[in-house]
């Protein structure tokens, strides 16, 4: 009888120990969710940054046109 009781106590102890480790496992998921939330916040702030992009594109286009004109001038000479 004492062997059966000791086996039951050991089984209960193991179950409680495993349950506590299993409860700690979702922390990784929480970290991922926090990262996703941070990315969403960055994306929400991104439209303000996107408004500046057309100016950059205009500058790039202007530089490309200048290079084309320089090539045409060089070809004429």
PDB file of N, CA and C in Angstrom:
ATOM      1  N   UNK A   1       0.813  -1.190   0.000  1.00  0.00           N
ATOM      2  CA  UNK A   1       0.000   0.000   0.000  1.00  0.00           C
ATOM      3  C   UNK A   1       0.862   1.263   0.000  1.00  0.00           C
ATOM      4  N   UNK A   2       1.951   1.232   0.730  1.00  0.00           N
ATOM      5  CA  UNK A   2       2.814   2.405   0.801  1.00  0.00           C
ATOM      6  C   UNK A   2       3.501   2.644  -0.543  1.00  0.00           C
ATOM      7  N   UNK A   3       3.786   1.558  -1.291  1.00  0.00           N
ATOM      8  CA  UNK A   3       4.383   1.705  -2.622  1.00  0.00           C
ATOM      9  C   UNK A   3       3.399   2.387  -3.573  1.00  0.00           C
ATOM     10  N   UNK A   4       2.152   1.988  -3.507  1.00  0.00           N
ATOM     11  CA  UNK A   4       1.131   2.593  -4.350  1.00  0.00           C
ATOM     12  C   UNK A   4       0.966   4.078  -4.025  1.00  0.00           C
ATOM     13  N   UNK A   5       0.973   4.394  -2.744  1.00  0.00           N
ATOM     14  CA  UNK A   5       0.851   5.774  -2.312  1.00  0.00           C
ATOM     15  C   UNK A   5       2.043   6.602  -2.787  1.00  0.00           C
ATOM     16  N   UNK A   6       3.246   6.050  -2.701  1.00  0.00           N
ATOM     17  CA  UNK A   6       4.442   6.788  -3.140  1.00  0.00           C
ATOM     18  C   UNK A   6       4.432   6.977  -4.655  1.00  0.00           C
ATOM     19  N   UNK A   7       3.913   6.001  -5.411  1.00  0.00           N
ATOM     20  CA  UNK A   7       3.819   6.135  -6.864  1.00  0.00           C
ATOM     21  C   UNK A   7       2.810   7.228  -7.218  1.00  0.00           C
ATOM     22  N   UNK A   8       1.672   7.262  -6.530  1.00  0.00           N
ATOM     23  CA  UNK A   8       0.674   8.294  -6.781  1.00  0.00           C
ATOM     24  C   UNK A   8       1.217   9.684  -6.464  1.00  0.00           C
ATOM     25  N   UNK A   9       1.925   9.818  -5.371  1.00  0.00           N
ATOM     26  CA  UNK A   9       2.501  11.115  -4.999  1.00  0.00           C
ATOM     27  C   UNK A   9       3.536  11.546  -6.043  1.00  0.00           C
ATOM     28  N   UNK A  10       4.351  10.610  -6.513  1.00  0.00           N
ATOM     29  CA  UNK A  10       5.355  10.918  -7.536  1.00  0.00           C
ATOM     30  C   UNK A  10       4.673  11.336  -8.844  1.00  0.00           C
ATOM     31  N   UNK A  11       3.591  10.659  -9.191  1.00  0.00           N
ATOM     32  CA  UNK A  11       2.870  10.989 -10.421  1.00  0.00           C
ATOM     33  C   UNK A  11       2.248  12.383 -10.315  1.00  0.00           C
ATOM     34  N   UNK A  12       1.678  12.690  -9.172  1.00  0.00           N
ATOM     35  CA  UNK A  12       1.082  14.019  -8.973  1.00  0.00           C
ATOM     36  C   UNK A  12       2.169  15.091  -9.037  1.00  0.00           C
ATOM     37  N   UNK A  13       3.313  14.840  -8.417  1.00  0.00           N
ATOM     38  CA  UNK A  13       4.410  15.799  -8.440  1.00  0.00           C
ATOM     39  C   UNK A  13       4.884  16.027  -9.877  1.00  0.00           C
ATOM     40  N   UNK A  14       5.017  14.950 -10.653  1.00  0.00           N
ATOM     41  CA  UNK A  14       5.459  15.065 -12.042  1.00  0.00           C
ATOM     42  C   UNK A  14       4.446  15.852 -12.870  1.00  0.00           C
ATOM     43  N   UNK A  15       3.172  15.590 -12.642  1.00  0.00           N
ATOM     44  CA  UNK A  15       2.121  16.296 -13.391  1.00  0.00           C
ATOM     45  C   UNK A  15       2.149  17.792 -13.093  1.00  0.00           C
ATOM     46  N   UNK A  16       2.287  18.139 -11.844  1.00  0.00           N
ATOM     47  CA  UNK A  16       2.325  19.553 -11.456  1.00  0.00           C
ATOM     48  C   UNK A  16       3.572  20.223 -12.023  1.00  0.00           C
ATOM     49  N   UNK A  17       4.698  19.519 -11.999  1.00  0.00           N
ATOM     50  CA  UNK A  17       5.946  20.092 -12.525  1.00  0.00           C
ATOM     51  C   UNK A  17       5.850  20.328 -14.032  1.00  0.00           C
ATOM     52  N   UNK A  18       5.336  19.349 -14.757  1.00  0.00           N
ATOM     53  CA  UNK A  18       5.200  19.475 -16.210  1.00  0.00           C
ATOM     54  C   UNK A  18       4.208  20.583 -16.556  1.00  0.00           C
ATOM     55  N   UNK A  19       3.157  20.708 -15.802  1.00  0.00           N
ATOM     56  CA  UNK A  19       2.159  21.746 -16.059  1.00  0.00           C
ATOM     57  C   UNK A  19       2.766  23.139 -15.888  1.00  0.00           C
ATOM     58  N   UNK A  20       3.653  23.291 -14.931  1.00  0.00           N
ATOM     59  CA  UNK A  20       4.267  24.609 -14.738  1.00  0.00           C
ATOM     60  C   UNK A  20       5.204  24.947 -15.898  1.00  0.00           C
ATOM     61  N   UNK A  21       5.914  23.963 -16.438  1.00  0.00           N
ATOM     62  CA  UNK A  21       6.766  24.211 -17.607  1.00  0.00           C
ATOM     63  C   UNK A  21       5.917  24.504 -18.841  1.00  0.00           C
ATOM     64  N   UNK A  22       4.817  23.804 -18.970  1.00  0.00           N
ATOM     65  CA  UNK A  22       3.938  24.022 -20.122  1.00  0.00           C
ATOM     66  C   UNK A  22       3.315  25.419 -20.074  1.00  0.00           C
ATOM     67  N   UNK A  23       3.082  25.926 -18.895  1.00  0.00           N
ATOM     68  CA  UNK A  23       2.499  27.259 -18.765  1.00  0.00           C
ATOM     69  C   UNK A  23       3.495  28.333 -19.188  1.00  0.00           C
ATOM     70  N   UNK A  24       4.789  28.064 -19.083  1.00  0.00           N
ATOM     71  CA  UNK A  24       5.814  29.031 -19.473  1.00  0.00           C
ATOM     72  C   UNK A  24       6.025  29.073 -20.982  1.00  0.00           C
ATOM     73  N   UNK A  25       5.643  28.064 -21.711  1.00  0.00           N
ATOM     74  CA  UNK A  25       5.915  27.968 -23.145  1.00  0.00           C
ATOM     75  C   UNK A  25       5.307  29.100 -23.977  1.00  0.00           C
ATOM     76  N   UNK A  26       4.109  29.580 -23.743  1.00  0.00           N
ATOM     77  CA  UNK A  26       3.532  30.612 -24.613  1.00  0.00           C
ATOM     78  C   UNK A  26       4.261  31.953 -24.596  1.00  0.00           C
ATOM     79  N   UNK A  27       5.237  32.149 -23.770  1.00  0.00           N
ATOM     80  CA  UNK A  27       5.955  33.417 -23.729  1.00  0.00           C
ATOM     81  C   UNK A  27       6.612  33.728 -25.065  1.00  0.00           C
ATOM     82  N   UNK A  28       7.046  32.702 -25.788  1.00  0.00           N
ATOM     83  CA  UNK A  28       7.641  32.922 -27.105  1.00  0.00           C
ATOM     84  C   UNK A  28       6.607  33.525 -28.051  1.00  0.00           C
ATOM     85  N   UNK A  29       5.393  33.031 -27.989  1.00  0.00           N
ATOM     86  CA  UNK A  29       4.323  33.557 -28.831  1.00  0.00           C
ATOM     87  C   UNK A  29       4.016  35.007 -28.476  1.00  0.00           C
ATOM     88  N   UNK A  30       4.066  35.321 -27.193  1.00  0.00           N
ATOM     89  CA  UNK A  30       3.802  36.685 -26.768  1.00  0.00           C
ATOM     90  C   UNK A  30       4.856  37.635 -27.333  1.00  0.00           C
ATOM     91  N   UNK A  31       6.109  37.181 -27.371  1.00  0.00           N
ATOM     92  CA  UNK A  31       7.171  38.014 -27.922  1.00  0.00           C
ATOM     93  C   UNK A  31       6.928  38.267 -29.406  1.00  0.00           C
ATOM     94  N   UNK A  32       6.486  37.235 -30.120  1.00  0.00           N
ATOM     95  CA  UNK A  32       6.184  37.399 -31.540  1.00  0.00           C
ATOM     96  C   UNK A  32       5.047  38.387 -31.731  1.00  0.00           C
ATOM     97  N   UNK A  33       4.033  38.285 -30.877  1.00  0.00           N
ATOM     98  CA  UNK A  33       2.899  39.193 -30.983  1.00  0.00           C
ATOM     99  C   UNK A  33       3.331  40.631 -30.700  1.00  0.00           C
ATOM    100  N   UNK A  34       4.256  40.806 -29.751  1.00  0.00           N
ATOM    101  CA  UNK A  34       4.748  42.150 -29.448  1.00  0.00           C
ATOM    102  C   UNK A  34       5.510  42.711 -30.645  1.00  0.00           C
ATOM    103  N   UNK A  35       6.308  41.852 -31.303  1.00  0.00           N
ATOM    104  CA  UNK A  35       7.048  42.301 -32.477  1.00  0.00           C
ATOM    105  C   UNK A  35       6.095  42.684 -33.603  1.00  0.00           C
ATOM    106  N   UNK A  36       5.040  41.869 -33.785  1.00  0.00           N
ATOM    107  CA  UNK A  36       4.056  42.173 -34.814  1.00  0.00           C
ATOM    108  C   UNK A  36       3.365  43.497 -34.517  1.00  0.00           C
ATOM    109  N   UNK A  37       3.050  43.723 -33.253  1.00  0.00           N
ATOM    110  CA  UNK A  37       2.394  44.976 -32.870  1.00  0.00           C
ATOM    111  C   UNK A  37       3.330  46.158 -33.130  1.00  0.00           C
ATOM    112  N   UNK A  38       4.622  45.970 -32.859  1.00  0.00           N
ATOM    113  CA  UNK A  38       5.584  47.040 -33.106  1.00  0.00           C
ATOM    114  C   UNK A  38       5.691  47.327 -34.601  1.00  0.00           C
ATOM    115  N   UNK A  39       5.662  46.279 -35.420  1.00  0.00           N
ATOM    116  CA  UNK A  39       5.724  46.468 -36.871  1.00  0.00           C
ATOM    117  C   UNK A  39       4.482  47.198 -37.369  1.00  0.00           C
ATOM    118  N   UNK A  40       3.325  46.869 -36.799  1.00  0.00           N
ATOM    119  CA  UNK A  40       2.096  47.551 -37.188  1.00  0.00           C
ATOM    120  C   UNK A  40       2.184  49.032 -36.846  1.00  0.00           C
ATOM    121  N   UNK A  41       2.770  49.335 -35.686  1.00  0.00           N
ATOM    122  CA  UNK A  41       2.931  50.732 -35.297  1.00  0.00           C
ATOM    123  C   UNK A  41       3.863  51.458 -36.261  1.00  0.00           C
ATOM    124  N   UNK A  42       4.925  50.773 -36.694  1.00  0.00           N
ATOM    125  CA  UNK A  42       5.857  51.364 -37.646  1.00  0.00           C
ATOM    126  C   UNK A  42       5.158  51.603 -38.986  1.00  0.00           C
ATOM    127  N   UNK A  43       4.327  50.650 -39.397  1.00  0.00           N
ATOM    128  CA  UNK A  43       3.609  50.803 -40.659  1.00  0.00           C
ATOM    129  C   UNK A  43       2.618  51.949 -40.576  1.00  0.00           C
ATOM    130  N   UNK A  44       2.036  52.142 -39.404  1.00  0.00           N
ATOM    131  CA  UNK A  44       1.098  53.246 -39.235  1.00  0.00           C
ATOM    132  C   UNK A  44       1.824  54.581 -39.355  1.00  0.00           C
ATOM    133  N   UNK A  45       3.064  54.637 -38.911  1.00  0.00           N
ATOM    134  CA  UNK A  45       3.855  55.861 -39.009  1.00  0.00           C
ATOM    135  C   UNK A  45       4.461  56.011 -40.392  1.00  0.00           C
ATOM    136  N   UNK A  46       4.508  54.953 -41.162  1.00  0.00           N
ATOM    137  CA  UNK A  46       5.149  54.962 -42.481  1.00  0.00           C
ATOM    138  C   UNK A  46       4.477  55.883 -43.493  1.00  0.00           C
ATOM    139  N   UNK A  47       3.165  56.076 -43.501  1.00  0.00           N
ATOM    140  CA  UNK A  47       2.585  56.970 -44.512  1.00  0.00           C
ATOM    141  C   UNK A  47       3.179  58.370 -44.487  1.00  0.00           C
ATOM    142  N   UNK A  48       3.568  58.845 -43.338  1.00  0.00           N
ATOM    143  CA  UNK A  48       4.203  60.162 -43.271  1.00  0.00           C
ATOM    144  C   UNK A  48       5.540  60.125 -43.993  1.00  0.00           C
ATOM    145  N   UNK A  49       6.256  59.025 -43.878  1.00  0.00           N
ATOM    146  CA  UNK A  49       7.538  58.892 -44.554  1.00  0.00           C
ATOM    147  C   UNK A  49       7.330  58.709 -46.057  1.00  0.00           C
ATOM    148  N   UNK A  50       6.256  58.068 -46.456  1.00  0.00           N
ATOM    149  CA  UNK A  50       6.003  57.840 -47.875  1.00  0.00           C
ATOM    150  C   UNK A  50       5.702  59.135 -48.613  1.00  0.00           C
ATOM    151  N   UNK A  51       5.203  60.122 -47.911  1.00  0.00           N
ATOM    152  CA  UNK A  51       4.896  61.392 -48.549  1.00  0.00           C
ATOM    153  C   UNK A  51       6.170  62.055 -49.060  1.00  0.00           C
ATOM    154  N   UNK A  52       7.292  61.790 -48.426  1.00  0.00           N
ATOM    155  CA  UNK A  52       8.560  62.382 -48.837  1.00  0.00           C
ATOM    156  C   UNK A  52       9.167  61.641 -50.021  1.00  0.00           C
ATOM    157  N   UNK A  53       8.757  60.436 -50.281  1.00  0.00           N
ATOM    158  CA  UNK A  53       9.346  59.641 -51.349  1.00  0.00           C
ATOM    159  C   UNK A  53       9.194  60.253 -52.742  1.00  0.00           C
ATOM    160  N   UNK A  54       8.074  60.846 -53.089  1.00  0.00           N
ATOM    161  CA  UNK A  54       7.970  61.411 -54.439  1.00  0.00           C
ATOM    162  C   UNK A  54       9.040  62.455 -54.737  1.00  0.00           C
ATOM    163  N   UNK A  55       9.459  63.209 -53.742  1.00  0.00           N
ATOM    164  CA  UNK A  55      10.525  64.179 -53.957  1.00  0.00           C
ATOM    165  C   UNK A  55      11.811  63.458 -54.326  1.00  0.00           C
ATOM    166  N   UNK A  56      12.084  62.354 -53.643  1.00  0.00           N
ATOM    167  CA  UNK A  56      13.288  61.588 -53.944  1.00  0.00           C
ATOM    168  C   UNK A  56      13.209  61.051 -55.370  1.00  0.00           C
ATOM    169  N   UNK A  57      12.044  60.558 -55.746  1.00  0.00           N
ATOM    170  CA  UNK A  57      11.869  60.041 -57.097  1.00  0.00           C
ATOM    171  C   UNK A  57      12.049  61.147 -58.118  1.00  0.00           C
ATOM    172  N   UNK A  58      11.539  62.330 -57.828  1.00  0.00           N
ATOM    173  CA  UNK A  58      11.670  63.450 -58.752  1.00  0.00           C
ATOM    174  C   UNK A  58      13.141  63.818 -58.925  1.00  0.00           C
ATOM    175  N   UNK A  59      13.887  63.786 -57.839  1.00  0.00           N
ATOM    176  CA  UNK A  59      15.320  64.101 -57.918  1.00  0.00           C
ATOM    177  C   UNK A  59      16.050  63.050 -58.748  1.00  0.00           C
ATOM    178  N   UNK A  60      15.687  61.775 -58.534  1.00  0.00           N
ATOM    179  CA  UNK A  60      16.321  60.702 -59.299  1.00  0.00           C
ATOM    180  C   UNK A  60      15.999  60.840 -60.781  1.00  0.00           C
ATOM    181  N   UNK A  61      14.730  61.151 -61.072  1.00  0.00           N
ATOM    182  CA  UNK A  61      14.326  61.326 -62.467  1.00  0.00           C
ATOM    183  C   UNK A  61      15.073  62.494 -63.101  1.00  0.00           C
ATOM    184  N   UNK A  62      15.236  63.571 -62.357  1.00  0.00           N
ATOM    185  CA  UNK A  62      15.951  64.734 -62.877  1.00  0.00           C
ATOM    186  C   UNK A  62      17.406  64.380 -63.181  1.00  0.00           C
ATOM    187  N   UNK A  63      18.024  63.605 -62.300  1.00  0.00           N
ATOM    188  CA  UNK A  63      19.418  63.190 -62.521  1.00  0.00           C
ATOM    189  C   UNK A  63      19.522  62.285 -63.742  1.00  0.00           C
ATOM    190  N   UNK A  64      18.555  61.396 -63.908  1.00  0.00           N
ATOM    191  CA  UNK A  64      18.560  60.507 -65.073  1.00  0.00           C
ATOM    192  C   UNK A  64      18.437  61.308 -66.364  1.00  0.00           C
ATOM    193  N   UNK A  65      17.557  62.309 -66.342  1.00  0.00           N
ATOM    194  CA  UNK A  65      17.375  63.142 -67.534  1.00  0.00           C
ATOM    195  C   UNK A  65      18.650  63.927 -67.847  1.00  0.00           C
ATOM    196  N   UNK A  66      19.325  64.411 -66.812  1.00  0.00           N
ATOM    197  CA  UNK A  66      20.580  65.133 -67.025  1.00  0.00           C
ATOM    198  C   UNK A  66      21.625  64.216 -67.654  1.00  0.00           C
ATOM    199  N   UNK A  67      21.698  62.987 -67.186  1.00  0.00           N
ATOM    200  CA  UNK A  67      22.655  62.037 -67.742  1.00  0.00           C
ATOM    201  C   UNK A  67      22.334  61.730 -69.202  1.00  0.00           C
ATOM    202  N   UNK A  68      21.031  61.600 -69.511  1.00  0.00           N
ATOM    203  CA  UNK A  68      20.636  61.331 -70.891  1.00  0.00           C
ATOM    204  C   UNK A  68      21.044  62.493 -71.790  1.00  0.00           C
ATOM    205  N   UNK A  69      20.809  63.715 -71.290  1.00  0.00           N
ATOM    206  CA  UNK A  69      21.180  64.894 -72.074  1.00  0.00           C
ATOM    207  C   UNK A  69      22.682  64.975 -72.282  1.00  0.00           C
ATOM    208  N   UNK A  70      23.445  64.631 -71.246  1.00  0.00           N
ATOM    209  CA  UNK A  70      24.905  64.626 -71.379  1.00  0.00           C
ATOM    210  C   UNK A  70      25.355  63.603 -72.402  1.00  0.00           C
ATOM    211  N   UNK A  71      24.708  62.446 -72.416  1.00  0.00           N
ATOM    212  CA  UNK A  71      25.055  61.416 -73.410  1.00  0.00           C
ATOM    213  C   UNK A  71      24.725  61.894 -74.823  1.00  0.00           C
ATOM    214  N   UNK A  72      23.580  62.566 -74.969  1.00  0.00           N
ATOM    215  CA  UNK A  72      23.196  63.089 -76.284  1.00  0.00           C
ATOM    216  C   UNK A  72      24.200  64.146 -76.753  1.00  0.00           C
ATOM    217  N   UNK A  73      24.602  65.026 -75.833  1.00  0.00           N
ATOM    218  CA  UNK A  73      25.569  66.065 -76.176  1.00  0.00           C
ATOM    219  C   UNK A  73      26.906  65.450 -76.569  1.00  0.00           C
ATOM    220  N   UNK A  74      27.311  64.401 -75.827  1.00  0.00           N
ATOM    221  CA  UNK A  74      28.575  63.735 -76.130  1.00  0.00           C
ATOM    222  C   UNK A  74      28.485  63.032 -77.481  1.00  0.00           C
ATOM    223  N   UNK A  75      27.340  62.493 -77.812  1.00  0.00           N
ATOM    224  CA  UNK A  75      27.173  61.787 -79.091  1.00  0.00           C
ATOM    225  C   UNK A  75      27.181  62.777 -80.247  1.00  0.00           C
ATOM    226  N   UNK A  76      26.687  63.994 -80.040  1.00  0.00           N
ATOM    227  CA  UNK A  76      26.663  65.019 -81.080  1.00  0.00           C
ATOM    228  C   UNK A  76      28.073  65.514 -81.405  1.00  0.00           C
ATOM    229  N   UNK A  77      28.930  65.530 -80.432  1.00  0.00           N
ATOM    230  CA  UNK A  77      30.297  66.027 -80.639  1.00  0.00           C
ATOM    231  C   UNK A  77      31.076  64.982 -81.366  1.00  0.00           C
TER     232      UNK A  77
END
